[in-house]
Every structure is written in structure tokens, then in C-alpha cells.
Amino acid sequence: MFRKVRNASVVLLSMVFLAACSASGTFQVKQELIEPVNNQKTVSIWIKSDKVQESEREDATKASSLLQEKLYARLVSEGLFKSAVIYPNKGDYNLEVDVLGVRLVSGAARIWLGVMAGASGMEANVLLRDETSKVLTEFHADGSSATHPLSSESGYENAVNALATEITQAIKTR
């Protein structure tokens, strides 16, 4: 009997320590891409965070700035667009990211509370428009960090990076 309890305890502890050891994200397409994106064109990136709760505004500003940097580099490096600019500069395409929620878990909280501190996360609705403002695709995306404090992907930067990955994946899916 003791052996069964010990084995079950080892399995349970392993699951706690190994669960959520990496950042992840998802996207849900609301409108499929209606025409191919010309990768020889420019995209203007506009990150808005006016829909987040007042208590999340400071975190949203911080995370939105990092998301803008990640998208600026990634959309070009992955060959989706020839170049990227930041709104209000004009591009051939407009990528509008409307941040809906942000949860940033501090390093101190992660150390003190461990897995119970939860994951950092960010979610957004995304629109890709052409130069005539026609919506080419629309989707909801989110990213979250690892919850385990010893994971190399437990920082809020990893949640933002996971969201940037999901946004580029959704645009790539054509």
C-alpha cells in the first residue's frame, strides 16, 4: 500500500513540476484570409489597449510596447511583409491589434508563490486590412507564459512572445 501511495505521490509531484513548463498560445479565426497577402508590401502595426480594465492599463502599456517590437521584427523576418512601420505611419496593409486583457506576474510573485502565481498572459483581437480598409482576416489570439518558476519561459516577455507567434502564424495560414 505504501508503495502505491509513494508512486502516486511521485507522479503527482512530477506533474506539478513539469506542468506548464513552456509558454504557449492559441488563435481562433473569425474570418478566413479572403485574398493572399503580397509579401512585397509594407505593413503598418497599430497596437491599441483602450479596452483593457483600468487596473491593467500600466501592464497593458508595457506589454503592448514589447508586442509592437516583436511584431515589427517578426513580420519581416518571417517573410510575411517586405517592411514594417509603426502607426500612424502608413503601410500597404494595416495590422490592428486590439489588446483585450493583460496579466503580468512579477518575478517576485513567481518566486514566492511558484505555480500558484499563475501564468502571465495577453489576449487580443486582430484585424488585417488592405490599403482600402477592407478587412482581409480577423482572429482572436492569446499568449501565456509558463507557470513553473524554474522554467526559462515563465516571464511576461514569454507570454508576449507567444502572442506574437500566434499572430504571425494566423497570418501565415493562407
C-alpha atoms as a PDB file:
ATOM      1  CA  MET A   1       0.000   0.000   0.000  1.00  0.00           C
ATOM      2  CA  PHE A   2       2.808   2.400   0.940  1.00  0.00           C
ATOM      3  CA  ARG A   3       4.477   1.759  -2.414  1.00  0.00           C
ATOM      4  CA  LYS A   4       1.294   2.706  -4.312  1.00  0.00           C
ATOM      5  CA  VAL A   5       0.921   5.951  -2.346  1.00  0.00           C
ATOM      6  CA  ARG A   6       4.605   6.763  -2.874  1.00  0.00           C
ATOM      7  CA  ASN A   7       4.375   6.084  -6.614  1.00  0.00           C
ATOM      8  CA  ALA A   8       1.214   8.165  -6.906  1.00  0.00           C
ATOM      9  CA  SER A   9       2.923  10.981  -4.985  1.00  0.00           C
ATOM     10  CA  VAL A  10       5.933  10.890  -7.278  1.00  0.00           C
ATOM     11  CA  VAL A  11       3.695  11.017 -10.346  1.00  0.00           C
ATOM     12  CA  LEU A  12       1.662  13.893  -8.896  1.00  0.00           C
ATOM     13  CA  LEU A  13       4.768  15.893  -7.936  1.00  0.00           C
ATOM     14  CA  SER A  14       6.266  15.279 -11.374  1.00  0.00           C
ATOM     15  CA  MET A  15       3.111  16.596 -12.985  1.00  0.00           C
ATOM     16  CA  VAL A  16       3.200  19.720 -10.806  1.00  0.00           C
ATOM     17  CA  PHE A  17       6.849  20.405 -11.600  1.00  0.00           C
ATOM     18  CA  LEU A  18       6.612  19.625 -15.288  1.00  0.00           C
ATOM     19  CA  ALA A  19       3.178  21.094 -15.998  1.00  0.00           C
ATOM     20  CA  ALA A  20       3.143  24.318 -17.952  1.00  0.00           C
ATOM     21  CA  CYS A  21       6.926  24.496 -18.311  1.00  0.00           C
ATOM     22  CA  SER A  22       6.705  26.397 -21.570  1.00  0.00           C
ATOM     23  CA  ALA A  23       4.935  29.402 -22.999  1.00  0.00           C
ATOM     24  CA  SER A  24       2.001  28.757 -25.292  1.00  0.00           C
ATOM     25  CA  GLY A  25      -0.713  30.470 -27.261  1.00  0.00           C
ATOM     26  CA  THR A  26      -3.713  29.962 -29.470  1.00  0.00           C
ATOM     27  CA  PHE A  27      -5.596  31.750 -32.206  1.00  0.00           C
ATOM     28  CA  GLN A  28      -9.188  31.411 -33.335  1.00  0.00           C
ATOM     29  CA  VAL A  29     -10.007  32.645 -36.815  1.00  0.00           C
ATOM     30  CA  LYS A  30     -13.190  34.716 -37.039  1.00  0.00           C
ATOM     31  CA  GLN A  31     -12.771  35.480 -40.752  1.00  0.00           C
ATOM     32  CA  GLU A  32     -10.501  33.483 -43.029  1.00  0.00           C
ATOM     33  CA  LEU A  33      -7.998  35.388 -45.157  1.00  0.00           C
ATOM     34  CA  ILE A  34     -10.047  36.441 -48.181  1.00  0.00           C
ATOM     35  CA  GLU A  35      -7.115  37.145 -50.504  1.00  0.00           C
ATOM     36  CA  PRO A  36      -3.386  36.419 -50.421  1.00  0.00           C
ATOM     37  CA  VAL A  37      -1.088  38.918 -48.714  1.00  0.00           C
ATOM     38  CA  ASN A  38       1.566  40.356 -51.001  1.00  0.00           C
ATOM     39  CA  ASN A  39       4.836  39.839 -49.133  1.00  0.00           C
ATOM     40  CA  GLN A  40       6.487  42.616 -51.183  1.00  0.00           C
ATOM     41  CA  LYS A  41       4.339  45.242 -49.451  1.00  0.00           C
ATOM     42  CA  THR A  42       4.615  47.190 -46.191  1.00  0.00           C
ATOM     43  CA  VAL A  43       2.533  46.658 -43.064  1.00  0.00           C
ATOM     44  CA  SER A  44       1.643  49.336 -40.526  1.00  0.00           C
ATOM     45  CA  ILE A  45       1.370  47.955 -36.976  1.00  0.00           C
ATOM     46  CA  TRP A  46      -1.151  49.532 -34.612  1.00  0.00           C
ATOM     47  CA  ILE A  47      -1.389  48.197 -31.058  1.00  0.00           C
ATOM     48  CA  LYS A  48      -4.384  49.542 -29.108  1.00  0.00           C
ATOM     49  CA  SER A  49      -5.056  48.856 -25.442  1.00  0.00           C
ATOM     50  CA  ASP A  50      -8.035  51.097 -24.735  1.00  0.00           C
ATOM     51  CA  LYS A  51     -10.352  48.163 -23.943  1.00  0.00           C
ATOM     52  CA  VAL A  52      -8.348  46.780 -21.020  1.00  0.00           C
ATOM     53  CA  GLN A  53      -9.568  47.340 -17.497  1.00  0.00           C
ATOM     54  CA  GLU A  54      -8.233  50.377 -15.653  1.00  0.00           C
ATOM     55  CA  SER A  55      -6.309  48.121 -13.259  1.00  0.00           C
ATOM     56  CA  GLU A  56      -4.438  46.583 -16.220  1.00  0.00           C
ATOM     57  CA  ARG A  57      -3.570  49.826 -18.077  1.00  0.00           C
ATOM     58  CA  GLU A  58       0.035  50.121 -16.886  1.00  0.00           C
ATOM     59  CA  ASP A  59       0.754  46.459 -17.590  1.00  0.00           C
ATOM     60  CA  ALA A  60      -1.010  46.730 -20.949  1.00  0.00           C
ATOM     61  CA  THR A  61       1.152  49.674 -21.979  1.00  0.00           C
ATOM     62  CA  LYS A  62       4.319  47.775 -21.045  1.00  0.00           C
ATOM     63  CA  ALA A  63       3.241  44.556 -22.772  1.00  0.00           C
ATOM     64  CA  SER A  64       1.887  46.386 -25.858  1.00  0.00           C
ATOM     65  CA  SER A  65       5.202  48.115 -26.386  1.00  0.00           C
ATOM     66  CA  LEU A  66       7.030  44.792 -26.280  1.00  0.00           C
ATOM     67  CA  LEU A  67       4.449  43.197 -28.605  1.00  0.00           C
ATOM     68  CA  GLN A  68       4.957  46.009 -31.089  1.00  0.00           C
ATOM     69  CA  GLU A  69       8.728  45.362 -31.089  1.00  0.00           C
ATOM     70  CA  LYS A  70       8.243  41.616 -31.539  1.00  0.00           C
ATOM     71  CA  LEU A  71       5.790  42.029 -34.417  1.00  0.00           C
ATOM     72  CA  TYR A  72       7.910  44.715 -36.080  1.00  0.00           C
ATOM     73  CA  ALA A  73      10.833  42.313 -36.327  1.00  0.00           C
ATOM     74  CA  ARG A  74       8.966  39.065 -36.869  1.00  0.00           C
ATOM     75  CA  LEU A  75       6.587  40.064 -39.671  1.00  0.00           C
ATOM     76  CA  VAL A  76       9.542  40.967 -41.882  1.00  0.00           C
ATOM     77  CA  SER A  77      11.987  38.264 -40.757  1.00  0.00           C
ATOM     78  CA  GLU A  78       9.432  35.540 -41.437  1.00  0.00           C
ATOM     79  CA  GLY A  79       8.811  36.872 -44.950  1.00  0.00           C
ATOM     80  CA  LEU A  80       5.217  37.960 -44.463  1.00  0.00           C
ATOM     81  CA  PHE A  81       5.917  41.562 -45.487  1.00  0.00           C
ATOM     82  CA  LYS A  82       8.788  43.436 -47.133  1.00  0.00           C
ATOM     83  CA  SER A  83       8.899  46.021 -44.356  1.00  0.00           C
ATOM     84  CA  ALA A  84       7.009  47.185 -41.297  1.00  0.00           C
ATOM     85  CA  VAL A  85       6.209  50.625 -39.910  1.00  0.00           C
ATOM     86  CA  ILE A  86       4.535  51.772 -36.720  1.00  0.00           C
ATOM     87  CA  TYR A  87       1.146  53.509 -36.819  1.00  0.00           C
ATOM     88  CA  PRO A  88       0.450  56.396 -37.644  1.00  0.00           C
ATOM     89  CA  ASN A  89       2.893  55.778 -40.496  1.00  0.00           C
ATOM     90  CA  LYS A  90       1.056  54.365 -43.488  1.00  0.00           C
ATOM     91  CA  GLY A  91       1.597  50.939 -44.971  1.00  0.00           C
ATOM     92  CA  ASP A  92       0.059  48.944 -47.791  1.00  0.00           C
ATOM     93  CA  TYR A  93      -1.570  46.809 -45.086  1.00  0.00           C
ATOM     94  CA  ASN A  94      -2.714  47.724 -41.588  1.00  0.00           C
ATOM     95  CA  LEU A  95      -2.357  45.239 -38.747  1.00  0.00           C
ATOM     96  CA  GLU A  96      -4.626  46.357 -35.903  1.00  0.00           C
ATOM     97  CA  VAL A  97      -4.073  44.573 -32.605  1.00  0.00           C
ATOM     98  CA  ASP A  98      -6.743  45.412 -30.040  1.00  0.00           C
ATOM     99  CA  VAL A  99      -5.472  44.222 -26.654  1.00  0.00           C
ATOM    100  CA  LEU A 100      -8.344  42.919 -24.522  1.00  0.00           C
ATOM    101  CA  GLY A 101      -6.537  41.760 -21.411  1.00  0.00           C
ATOM    102  CA  VAL A 102      -3.138  41.511 -19.805  1.00  0.00           C
ATOM    103  CA  ARG A 103      -1.901  39.672 -16.728  1.00  0.00           C
ATOM    104  CA  LEU A 104       1.742  40.191 -15.821  1.00  0.00           C
ATOM    105  CA  VAL A 105       3.119  38.083 -12.980  1.00  0.00           C
ATOM    106  CA  SER A 106       6.205  39.607 -11.385  1.00  0.00           C
ATOM    107  CA  GLY A 107       9.374  37.652 -10.757  1.00  0.00           C
ATOM    108  CA  ALA A 108       8.906  38.146  -7.016  1.00  0.00           C
ATOM    109  CA  ALA A 109       5.388  36.702  -7.128  1.00  0.00           C
ATOM    110  CA  ARG A 110       6.670  33.795  -9.200  1.00  0.00           C
ATOM    111  CA  ILE A 111       9.392  33.063  -6.603  1.00  0.00           C
ATOM    112  CA  TRP A 112       7.113  33.437  -3.560  1.00  0.00           C
ATOM    113  CA  LEU A 113       4.004  31.762  -4.900  1.00  0.00           C
ATOM    114  CA  GLY A 114       5.507  29.440  -7.514  1.00  0.00           C
ATOM    115  CA  VAL A 115       2.989  27.713  -9.757  1.00  0.00           C
ATOM    116  CA  MET A 116       0.126  29.205  -7.741  1.00  0.00           C
ATOM    117  CA  ALA A 117       1.051  32.691  -9.031  1.00  0.00           C
ATOM    118  CA  GLY A 118      -0.313  31.561 -12.373  1.00  0.00           C
ATOM    119  CA  ALA A 119       0.849  32.466 -15.835  1.00  0.00           C
ATOM    120  CA  SER A 120       1.396  35.849 -17.361  1.00  0.00           C
ATOM    121  CA  GLY A 121      -0.910  36.304 -20.310  1.00  0.00           C
ATOM    122  CA  MET A 122      -2.107  38.632 -23.025  1.00  0.00           C
ATOM    123  CA  GLU A 123      -5.080  38.367 -25.378  1.00  0.00           C
ATOM    124  CA  ALA A 124      -6.138  40.432 -28.356  1.00  0.00           C
ATOM    125  CA  ASN A 125      -8.438  40.704 -31.333  1.00  0.00           C
ATOM    126  CA  VAL A 126      -6.518  41.206 -34.559  1.00  0.00           C
ATOM    127  CA  LEU A 127      -7.555  42.675 -37.908  1.00  0.00           C
ATOM    128  CA  LEU A 128      -5.504  42.764 -41.082  1.00  0.00           C
ATOM    129  CA  ARG A 129      -6.769  45.383 -43.540  1.00  0.00           C
ATOM    130  CA  ASP A 130      -5.634  46.348 -47.016  1.00  0.00           C
ATOM    131  CA  GLU A 131      -4.997  49.937 -48.118  1.00  0.00           C
ATOM    132  CA  THR A 132      -8.709  50.428 -48.873  1.00  0.00           C
ATOM    133  CA  SER A 133      -9.543  49.427 -45.246  1.00  0.00           C
ATOM    134  CA  LYS A 134     -11.139  46.150 -46.379  1.00  0.00           C
ATOM    135  CA  VAL A 135     -10.753  43.501 -43.662  1.00  0.00           C
ATOM    136  CA  LEU A 136      -8.683  40.639 -45.075  1.00  0.00           C
ATOM    137  CA  THR A 137      -8.700  38.484 -41.958  1.00  0.00           C
ATOM    138  CA  GLU A 138      -9.855  38.705 -38.374  1.00  0.00           C
ATOM    139  CA  PHE A 139      -8.914  36.496 -35.454  1.00  0.00           C
ATOM    140  CA  HIS A 140      -8.587  36.293 -31.681  1.00  0.00           C
ATOM    141  CA  ALA A 141      -5.184  35.342 -30.281  1.00  0.00           C
ATOM    142  CA  ASP A 142      -3.660  34.847 -26.863  1.00  0.00           C
ATOM    143  CA  GLY A 143      -0.313  34.001 -25.362  1.00  0.00           C
ATOM    144  CA  SER A 144       0.691  32.833 -21.906  1.00  0.00           C
ATOM    145  CA  SER A 145       3.932  32.170 -20.112  1.00  0.00           C
ATOM    146  CA  ALA A 146       4.920  29.046 -18.261  1.00  0.00           C
ATOM    147  CA  THR A 147       3.630  28.826 -14.696  1.00  0.00           C
ATOM    148  CA  HIS A 148       6.565  26.969 -13.204  1.00  0.00           C
ATOM    149  CA  PRO A 149       9.022  29.351 -11.509  1.00  0.00           C
ATOM    150  CA  LEU A 150      12.075  27.369 -12.646  1.00  0.00           C
ATOM    151  CA  SER A 151      11.046  27.392 -16.294  1.00  0.00           C
ATOM    152  CA  SER A 152      13.065  29.586 -18.621  1.00  0.00           C
ATOM    153  CA  GLU A 153       9.739  30.690 -20.166  1.00  0.00           C
ATOM    154  CA  SER A 154       7.963  31.983 -17.046  1.00  0.00           C
ATOM    155  CA  GLY A 155       8.459  35.725 -17.630  1.00  0.00           C
ATOM    156  CA  TYR A 156       5.822  38.043 -19.046  1.00  0.00           C
ATOM    157  CA  GLU A 157       8.079  38.529 -22.085  1.00  0.00           C
ATOM    158  CA  ASN A 158       7.390  34.907 -22.963  1.00  0.00           C
ATOM    159  CA  ALA A 159       3.630  35.492 -22.903  1.00  0.00           C
ATOM    160  CA  VAL A 160       4.047  38.459 -25.254  1.00  0.00           C
ATOM    161  CA  ASN A 161       6.348  36.428 -27.498  1.00  0.00           C
ATOM    162  CA  ALA A 162       3.780  33.595 -27.602  1.00  0.00           C
ATOM    163  CA  LEU A 163       1.104  36.106 -28.660  1.00  0.00           C
ATOM    164  CA  ALA A 164       3.385  37.488 -31.405  1.00  0.00           C
ATOM    165  CA  THR A 165       3.974  33.920 -32.593  1.00  0.00           C
ATOM    166  CA  GLU A 166       0.233  33.246 -32.771  1.00  0.00           C
ATOM    167  CA  ILE A 167      -0.396  36.452 -34.709  1.00  0.00           C
ATOM    168  CA  THR A 168       2.263  35.628 -37.297  1.00  0.00           C
ATOM    169  CA  GLN A 169       1.010  32.029 -37.530  1.00  0.00           C
ATOM    170  CA  ALA A 170      -2.546  33.224 -38.147  1.00  0.00           C
ATOM    171  CA  ILE A 171      -1.371  35.492 -40.969  1.00  0.00           C
ATOM    172  CA  LYS A 172       0.843  32.744 -42.410  1.00  0.00           C
ATOM    173  CA  THR A 173      -2.098  30.376 -42.573  1.00  0.00           C
ATOM    174  CA  ARG A 174      -3.238  31.256 -46.044  1.00  0.00           C
END
